[in-house]
């Protein structure tokens, strides 16, 4: 069995979040979805689990953060081209997402900063495959410091 990742996100409105994630390209898996949660398939091995706050709270005694004011995680999502990154961002913004920051172009890496309606950070990006596994651009350290 392939290893899989299920990203559990607390959401204020399961139906609204489901619509957003469908708009950005996820497919709802009805087998693991109901009024309290939606299983949203991103790829063969990655799914976003959108959990209403009451349901999410059953998995942890910790306080649920307000992702609009507190950053808990950022999810980088790879795409094959810059155009696909921009198309994803356009779909997300049209579906109620917010732009966390504009396009960042480092030449070999192009990315956008998007937040879903609850404030969870999504980072669609494209990386030049000739740079994958190669040396890091020295200017990257300067821009991320």
N, C-alpha and C. Protein backbone atom coordinates (compact mmCIF):
# COMPACT_ATOMS: atom_id res chain seq x y z
N UNK A 1 0.83 -1.18 0.00
CA UNK A 1 0.00 0.00 0.00
C UNK A 1 0.88 1.24 0.00
N UNK A 2 0.55 2.18 -0.86
CA UNK A 2 1.32 3.43 -0.94
C UNK A 2 1.12 4.23 0.34
N UNK A 3 2.16 4.92 0.75
CA UNK A 3 2.02 5.80 1.90
C UNK A 3 1.17 6.98 1.47
N UNK A 4 0.30 7.41 2.37
CA UNK A 4 -0.61 8.50 2.05
C UNK A 4 -0.57 9.54 3.17
N UNK A 5 -0.94 10.76 2.82
CA UNK A 5 -1.00 11.85 3.78
C UNK A 5 -2.42 12.38 3.80
N UNK A 6 -3.00 12.49 5.00
CA UNK A 6 -4.31 13.07 5.19
C UNK A 6 -4.12 14.32 6.04
N UNK A 7 -4.33 15.47 5.44
CA UNK A 7 -4.13 16.75 6.12
C UNK A 7 -5.46 17.16 6.73
N UNK A 8 -5.55 17.11 8.07
CA UNK A 8 -6.78 17.43 8.77
C UNK A 8 -6.83 18.93 9.06
N UNK A 9 -7.86 19.59 8.55
CA UNK A 9 -8.00 21.03 8.73
C UNK A 9 -9.32 21.35 9.43
N UNK A 10 -9.26 22.13 10.52
CA UNK A 10 -10.51 22.57 11.13
C UNK A 10 -11.13 23.68 10.27
N UNK A 11 -12.42 23.55 9.99
CA UNK A 11 -13.09 24.55 9.15
C UNK A 11 -14.39 24.99 9.83
N UNK A 12 -14.74 26.24 9.62
CA UNK A 12 -15.95 26.79 10.23
C UNK A 12 -17.22 26.29 9.54
N UNK A 13 -17.15 26.07 8.23
CA UNK A 13 -18.33 25.69 7.45
C UNK A 13 -17.91 24.59 6.47
N UNK A 14 -18.26 23.35 6.79
CA UNK A 14 -17.83 22.20 5.98
C UNK A 14 -18.31 22.33 4.54
N UNK A 15 -19.57 22.73 4.34
CA UNK A 15 -20.10 22.83 2.97
C UNK A 15 -19.37 23.90 2.16
N UNK A 16 -19.12 25.06 2.77
CA UNK A 16 -18.42 26.14 2.06
C UNK A 16 -16.98 25.74 1.76
N UNK A 17 -16.32 25.10 2.71
CA UNK A 17 -14.94 24.66 2.49
C UNK A 17 -14.88 23.57 1.43
N UNK A 18 -15.86 22.69 1.42
CA UNK A 18 -15.92 21.64 0.40
C UNK A 18 -16.02 22.28 -0.99
N UNK A 19 -16.87 23.28 -1.13
CA UNK A 19 -17.02 23.96 -2.42
C UNK A 19 -15.71 24.62 -2.84
N UNK A 20 -15.00 25.23 -1.89
CA UNK A 20 -13.71 25.86 -2.20
C UNK A 20 -12.72 24.81 -2.69
N UNK A 21 -12.58 23.72 -1.96
CA UNK A 21 -11.59 22.70 -2.33
C UNK A 21 -11.96 22.01 -3.65
N UNK A 22 -13.24 21.88 -3.94
CA UNK A 22 -13.64 21.38 -5.26
C UNK A 22 -13.23 22.37 -6.34
N UNK A 23 -13.38 23.66 -6.08
CA UNK A 23 -13.03 24.69 -7.06
C UNK A 23 -11.53 24.71 -7.37
N UNK A 24 -10.69 24.31 -6.41
CA UNK A 24 -9.25 24.30 -6.66
C UNK A 24 -8.76 22.97 -7.20
N UNK A 25 -9.69 22.03 -7.45
CA UNK A 25 -9.31 20.80 -8.13
C UNK A 25 -9.40 19.52 -7.32
N UNK A 26 -9.83 19.59 -6.08
CA UNK A 26 -9.99 18.37 -5.28
C UNK A 26 -11.30 17.68 -5.62
N UNK A 27 -11.35 16.40 -5.35
CA UNK A 27 -12.55 15.60 -5.57
C UNK A 27 -13.03 15.09 -4.21
N UNK A 28 -14.30 15.32 -3.91
CA UNK A 28 -14.87 14.89 -2.64
C UNK A 28 -15.09 13.37 -2.68
N UNK A 29 -14.58 12.69 -1.66
CA UNK A 29 -14.76 11.26 -1.52
C UNK A 29 -15.94 11.03 -0.59
N UNK A 30 -17.09 10.71 -1.16
CA UNK A 30 -18.33 10.55 -0.39
C UNK A 30 -18.24 9.44 0.66
N UNK A 31 -17.35 8.47 0.44
CA UNK A 31 -17.22 7.37 1.40
C UNK A 31 -16.77 7.85 2.78
N UNK A 32 -16.03 8.95 2.81
CA UNK A 32 -15.47 9.45 4.07
C UNK A 32 -15.93 10.87 4.35
N UNK A 33 -17.11 11.21 3.89
CA UNK A 33 -17.65 12.56 4.05
C UNK A 33 -19.07 12.51 4.59
N UNK A 34 -19.41 13.54 5.35
CA UNK A 34 -20.76 13.70 5.86
C UNK A 34 -20.95 15.17 6.23
N UNK A 35 -21.94 15.50 7.03
CA UNK A 35 -22.17 16.90 7.41
C UNK A 35 -21.05 17.46 8.28
N UNK A 36 -20.32 16.59 8.97
CA UNK A 36 -19.28 17.05 9.89
C UNK A 36 -17.89 17.09 9.25
N UNK A 37 -17.73 16.45 8.09
CA UNK A 37 -16.40 16.36 7.48
C UNK A 37 -16.50 16.05 6.00
N UNK A 38 -15.50 16.52 5.26
CA UNK A 38 -15.37 16.16 3.84
C UNK A 38 -13.95 15.70 3.57
N UNK A 39 -13.84 14.55 2.94
CA UNK A 39 -12.56 14.03 2.49
C UNK A 39 -12.36 14.53 1.06
N UNK A 40 -11.34 15.35 0.86
CA UNK A 40 -11.10 15.97 -0.44
C UNK A 40 -9.79 15.43 -1.01
N UNK A 41 -9.88 14.70 -2.10
CA UNK A 41 -8.72 14.06 -2.71
C UNK A 41 -7.98 15.06 -3.58
N UNK A 42 -6.70 15.27 -3.27
CA UNK A 42 -5.83 16.15 -4.06
C UNK A 42 -5.04 15.33 -5.07
N UNK A 43 -4.57 14.15 -4.65
CA UNK A 43 -3.81 13.26 -5.52
C UNK A 43 -4.01 11.83 -5.04
N UNK A 44 -3.33 10.90 -5.67
CA UNK A 44 -3.46 9.50 -5.27
C UNK A 44 -3.02 9.26 -3.83
N UNK A 45 -2.19 10.12 -3.30
CA UNK A 45 -1.65 9.89 -1.96
C UNK A 45 -1.87 11.04 -0.98
N UNK A 46 -2.53 12.11 -1.40
CA UNK A 46 -2.75 13.26 -0.52
C UNK A 46 -4.22 13.65 -0.53
N UNK A 47 -4.78 13.77 0.68
CA UNK A 47 -6.16 14.22 0.84
C UNK A 47 -6.23 15.29 1.92
N UNK A 48 -7.09 16.26 1.71
CA UNK A 48 -7.41 17.25 2.74
C UNK A 48 -8.67 16.75 3.43
N UNK A 49 -8.63 16.64 4.74
CA UNK A 49 -9.79 16.26 5.53
C UNK A 49 -10.33 17.54 6.17
N UNK A 50 -11.46 17.99 5.67
CA UNK A 50 -12.07 19.22 6.16
C UNK A 50 -13.02 18.85 7.29
N UNK A 51 -12.67 19.24 8.51
CA UNK A 51 -13.41 18.81 9.68
C UNK A 51 -14.06 20.01 10.36
N UNK A 52 -15.38 19.95 10.53
CA UNK A 52 -16.05 20.98 11.30
C UNK A 52 -15.41 21.08 12.67
N UNK A 53 -15.44 22.26 13.27
CA UNK A 53 -14.74 22.48 14.54
C UNK A 53 -15.12 21.46 15.61
N UNK A 54 -16.39 21.15 15.78
CA UNK A 54 -16.81 20.21 16.82
C UNK A 54 -16.22 18.82 16.56
N UNK A 55 -16.20 18.39 15.31
CA UNK A 55 -15.65 17.08 14.96
C UNK A 55 -14.13 17.09 15.15
N UNK A 56 -13.47 18.14 14.67
CA UNK A 56 -12.01 18.27 14.80
C UNK A 56 -11.61 18.22 16.27
N UNK A 57 -12.38 18.89 17.13
CA UNK A 57 -12.06 18.97 18.55
C UNK A 57 -12.04 17.59 19.20
N UNK A 58 -12.73 16.61 18.61
CA UNK A 58 -12.71 15.25 19.12
C UNK A 58 -11.37 14.55 18.96
N UNK A 59 -10.46 15.12 18.17
CA UNK A 59 -9.15 14.52 17.93
C UNK A 59 -8.04 15.13 18.76
N UNK A 60 -8.33 16.24 19.44
CA UNK A 60 -7.28 16.92 20.20
C UNK A 60 -7.88 17.71 21.36
N UNK A 61 -7.18 17.75 22.48
CA UNK A 61 -7.64 18.59 23.59
C UNK A 61 -7.18 20.04 23.43
N UNK A 62 -6.35 20.30 22.44
CA UNK A 62 -5.80 21.65 22.24
C UNK A 62 -6.85 22.59 21.66
N UNK A 63 -6.63 23.87 21.88
CA UNK A 63 -7.48 24.90 21.31
C UNK A 63 -7.26 24.97 19.81
N UNK A 64 -8.33 25.07 19.07
CA UNK A 64 -8.22 25.24 17.62
C UNK A 64 -7.80 26.67 17.34
N UNK A 65 -6.75 26.82 16.56
CA UNK A 65 -6.27 28.17 16.23
C UNK A 65 -7.21 28.85 15.24
N UNK A 66 -7.14 30.15 15.22
CA UNK A 66 -7.79 30.92 14.16
C UNK A 66 -6.73 31.11 13.09
N UNK A 67 -6.80 30.33 12.01
CA UNK A 67 -5.77 30.37 10.97
C UNK A 67 -5.75 31.69 10.22
N UNK A 68 -6.75 32.54 10.44
CA UNK A 68 -6.72 33.87 9.82
C UNK A 68 -5.77 34.80 10.56
N UNK A 69 -5.45 34.48 11.82
CA UNK A 69 -4.55 35.34 12.60
C UNK A 69 -3.30 34.63 13.09
N UNK A 70 -3.31 33.30 13.08
CA UNK A 70 -2.19 32.51 13.57
C UNK A 70 -1.81 31.49 12.50
N UNK A 71 -0.52 31.42 12.18
CA UNK A 71 -0.08 30.45 11.18
C UNK A 71 0.35 29.17 11.89
N UNK A 72 -0.25 28.05 11.47
CA UNK A 72 0.11 26.77 12.03
C UNK A 72 0.87 25.90 11.05
N UNK A 73 0.57 26.07 9.77
CA UNK A 73 1.23 25.28 8.72
C UNK A 73 0.96 25.94 7.37
N UNK A 74 1.87 25.71 6.44
CA UNK A 74 1.71 26.16 5.06
C UNK A 74 1.89 24.93 4.17
N UNK A 75 0.99 24.73 3.24
CA UNK A 75 1.02 23.54 2.40
C UNK A 75 1.46 23.91 0.99
N UNK A 76 2.65 23.46 0.59
CA UNK A 76 3.19 23.72 -0.73
C UNK A 76 2.64 22.68 -1.71
N UNK A 77 2.07 23.17 -2.81
CA UNK A 77 1.42 22.31 -3.80
C UNK A 77 2.12 22.47 -5.14
N UNK A 78 2.79 21.43 -5.64
CA UNK A 78 3.56 21.55 -6.88
C UNK A 78 2.69 21.50 -8.14
N UNK A 79 3.11 22.28 -9.14
CA UNK A 79 2.46 22.28 -10.45
C UNK A 79 3.54 22.19 -11.52
N UNK A 80 3.14 21.79 -12.74
CA UNK A 80 4.09 21.57 -13.83
C UNK A 80 4.52 22.84 -14.54
N UNK A 81 3.73 23.92 -14.44
CA UNK A 81 4.07 25.16 -15.14
C UNK A 81 3.67 26.37 -14.29
N UNK A 82 4.26 27.50 -14.62
CA UNK A 82 3.87 28.77 -13.97
C UNK A 82 2.41 29.08 -14.25
N UNK A 83 1.97 28.79 -15.46
CA UNK A 83 0.59 29.07 -15.85
C UNK A 83 -0.39 28.28 -14.99
N UNK A 84 -0.04 27.05 -14.65
CA UNK A 84 -0.89 26.24 -13.78
C UNK A 84 -0.95 26.84 -12.37
N UNK A 85 0.15 27.39 -11.91
CA UNK A 85 0.18 28.05 -10.60
C UNK A 85 -0.79 29.24 -10.61
N UNK A 86 -0.71 30.05 -11.66
CA UNK A 86 -1.60 31.21 -11.76
C UNK A 86 -3.06 30.80 -11.93
N UNK A 87 -3.32 29.73 -12.68
CA UNK A 87 -4.69 29.25 -12.86
C UNK A 87 -5.26 28.75 -11.53
N UNK A 88 -4.45 28.04 -10.77
CA UNK A 88 -4.87 27.58 -9.45
C UNK A 88 -5.22 28.78 -8.57
N UNK A 89 -4.33 29.78 -8.55
CA UNK A 89 -4.57 30.97 -7.73
C UNK A 89 -5.85 31.67 -8.16
N UNK A 90 -6.09 31.78 -9.45
CA UNK A 90 -7.31 32.43 -9.94
C UNK A 90 -8.55 31.67 -9.49
N UNK A 91 -8.51 30.34 -9.57
CA UNK A 91 -9.66 29.53 -9.12
C UNK A 91 -9.89 29.71 -7.63
N UNK A 92 -8.80 29.70 -6.87
CA UNK A 92 -8.91 29.84 -5.41
C UNK A 92 -9.49 31.20 -5.04
N UNK A 93 -9.02 32.26 -5.67
CA UNK A 93 -9.52 33.60 -5.37
C UNK A 93 -10.98 33.73 -5.77
N UNK A 94 -11.36 33.17 -6.91
CA UNK A 94 -12.75 33.23 -7.37
C UNK A 94 -13.68 32.44 -6.45
N UNK A 95 -13.14 31.43 -5.76
CA UNK A 95 -13.95 30.58 -4.89
C UNK A 95 -13.98 31.05 -3.44
N UNK A 96 -13.43 32.23 -3.16
CA UNK A 96 -13.50 32.77 -1.80
C UNK A 96 -12.20 32.72 -1.04
N UNK A 97 -11.12 32.31 -1.69
CA UNK A 97 -9.81 32.33 -1.04
C UNK A 97 -9.26 33.74 -1.01
N UNK A 98 -8.12 33.90 -0.34
CA UNK A 98 -7.49 35.21 -0.21
C UNK A 98 -6.02 35.10 -0.61
N UNK A 99 -5.50 36.17 -1.18
CA UNK A 99 -4.09 36.18 -1.56
C UNK A 99 -3.27 36.62 -0.35
N UNK A 100 -2.39 35.73 0.12
CA UNK A 100 -1.52 36.05 1.25
C UNK A 100 -0.35 36.91 0.80
N UNK A 101 0.14 36.65 -0.39
CA UNK A 101 1.17 37.49 -1.02
C UNK A 101 1.12 37.23 -2.52
N UNK A 102 1.58 38.21 -3.26
CA UNK A 102 1.58 38.10 -4.71
C UNK A 102 2.60 37.09 -5.20
N UNK A 103 2.74 37.03 -6.50
CA UNK A 103 3.67 36.09 -7.11
C UNK A 103 5.09 36.36 -6.65
N UNK A 104 5.80 35.28 -6.40
CA UNK A 104 7.21 35.35 -6.06
C UNK A 104 7.96 34.60 -7.15
N UNK A 105 8.85 35.30 -7.84
CA UNK A 105 9.56 34.71 -8.97
C UNK A 105 11.06 34.75 -8.71
N UNK A 106 11.65 33.59 -8.45
CA UNK A 106 13.08 33.49 -8.21
C UNK A 106 13.82 32.95 -9.43
N UNK A 107 13.14 32.93 -10.55
CA UNK A 107 13.73 32.39 -11.77
C UNK A 107 13.51 30.89 -11.89
N UNK A 108 14.14 30.13 -11.00
CA UNK A 108 13.98 28.68 -11.01
C UNK A 108 12.75 28.22 -10.22
N UNK A 109 12.15 29.15 -9.44
CA UNK A 109 11.00 28.83 -8.60
C UNK A 109 9.99 29.96 -8.71
N UNK A 110 8.74 29.59 -8.95
CA UNK A 110 7.65 30.56 -9.05
C UNK A 110 6.55 30.09 -8.12
N UNK A 111 6.04 31.00 -7.27
CA UNK A 111 5.02 30.59 -6.32
C UNK A 111 4.03 31.71 -6.04
N UNK A 112 2.93 31.33 -5.44
CA UNK A 112 1.89 32.27 -5.00
C UNK A 112 1.55 31.90 -3.56
N UNK A 113 1.01 32.83 -2.82
CA UNK A 113 0.56 32.58 -1.45
C UNK A 113 -0.95 32.76 -1.39
N UNK A 114 -1.66 31.68 -1.12
CA UNK A 114 -3.12 31.69 -1.11
C UNK A 114 -3.59 31.17 0.25
N UNK A 115 -4.69 31.73 0.74
CA UNK A 115 -5.33 31.19 1.94
C UNK A 115 -6.73 30.73 1.58
N UNK A 116 -7.14 29.60 2.16
CA UNK A 116 -8.51 29.14 1.97
C UNK A 116 -9.44 30.03 2.80
N UNK A 117 -10.75 29.86 2.73
CA UNK A 117 -11.65 30.74 3.47
C UNK A 117 -11.42 30.76 4.99
N UNK A 118 -10.81 29.70 5.53
CA UNK A 118 -10.52 29.66 6.97
C UNK A 118 -9.14 30.20 7.31
N UNK A 119 -8.35 30.56 6.30
CA UNK A 119 -7.03 31.11 6.55
C UNK A 119 -5.89 30.12 6.46
N UNK A 120 -6.15 28.87 6.10
CA UNK A 120 -5.08 27.87 5.96
C UNK A 120 -4.26 28.21 4.71
N UNK A 121 -2.93 28.20 4.85
CA UNK A 121 -2.03 28.62 3.78
C UNK A 121 -1.76 27.54 2.75
N UNK A 122 -2.01 27.88 1.49
CA UNK A 122 -1.73 27.01 0.36
C UNK A 122 -0.72 27.72 -0.52
N UNK A 123 0.33 27.03 -0.88
CA UNK A 123 1.39 27.63 -1.68
C UNK A 123 1.60 26.91 -3.00
N UNK A 124 0.80 27.22 -4.01
CA UNK A 124 1.06 26.60 -5.31
C UNK A 124 2.41 27.08 -5.84
N UNK A 125 3.20 26.16 -6.39
CA UNK A 125 4.51 26.54 -6.90
C UNK A 125 4.91 25.70 -8.11
N UNK A 126 5.81 26.27 -8.89
CA UNK A 126 6.47 25.57 -9.99
C UNK A 126 7.96 25.71 -9.75
N UNK A 127 8.71 24.62 -9.98
CA UNK A 127 10.16 24.66 -9.88
C UNK A 127 10.76 24.12 -11.16
N UNK A 128 11.73 24.83 -11.69
CA UNK A 128 12.43 24.38 -12.89
C UNK A 128 13.06 23.02 -12.60
N UNK A 129 12.67 21.98 -13.34
CA UNK A 129 13.18 20.64 -13.04
C UNK A 129 14.69 20.51 -13.19
N UNK A 130 15.32 21.40 -13.93
CA UNK A 130 16.77 21.32 -14.05
C UNK A 130 17.45 21.75 -12.75
N UNK A 131 16.72 22.43 -11.86
CA UNK A 131 17.27 22.83 -10.58
C UNK A 131 16.95 21.83 -9.47
N UNK A 132 16.03 20.95 -9.70
CA UNK A 132 15.67 19.97 -8.68
C UNK A 132 16.86 19.07 -8.38
N UNK A 133 17.26 19.03 -7.14
CA UNK A 133 18.38 18.20 -6.74
C UNK A 133 19.73 18.83 -7.03
N UNK A 134 19.73 20.01 -7.63
CA UNK A 134 20.99 20.68 -7.94
C UNK A 134 21.35 21.67 -6.85
N UNK A 135 22.27 22.55 -7.19
CA UNK A 135 22.69 23.55 -6.23
C UNK A 135 21.60 24.60 -6.04
N UNK A 136 21.51 25.11 -4.83
CA UNK A 136 20.53 26.14 -4.51
C UNK A 136 21.05 27.49 -4.99
N UNK A 137 20.18 28.27 -5.55
CA UNK A 137 20.51 29.63 -5.96
C UNK A 137 20.90 30.41 -4.71
N UNK A 138 22.09 31.01 -4.66
CA UNK A 138 22.52 31.72 -3.45
C UNK A 138 21.61 32.88 -3.08
N UNK A 139 20.87 33.43 -4.03
CA UNK A 139 19.97 34.54 -3.70
C UNK A 139 18.75 34.06 -2.94
N UNK A 140 18.45 32.75 -2.98
CA UNK A 140 17.31 32.22 -2.25
C UNK A 140 17.49 32.42 -0.75
N UNK A 141 18.68 32.17 -0.25
CA UNK A 141 18.95 32.35 1.18
C UNK A 141 18.73 33.80 1.58
N UNK A 142 19.08 34.73 0.69
CA UNK A 142 18.91 36.15 1.00
C UNK A 142 17.44 36.54 1.06
N UNK A 143 16.61 35.98 0.17
CA UNK A 143 15.20 36.37 0.12
C UNK A 143 14.37 35.68 1.17
N UNK A 144 14.85 34.55 1.71
CA UNK A 144 14.03 33.85 2.70
C UNK A 144 14.51 34.10 4.12
N UNK A 145 15.54 34.88 4.28
CA UNK A 145 16.07 35.15 5.63
C UNK A 145 15.28 36.22 6.33
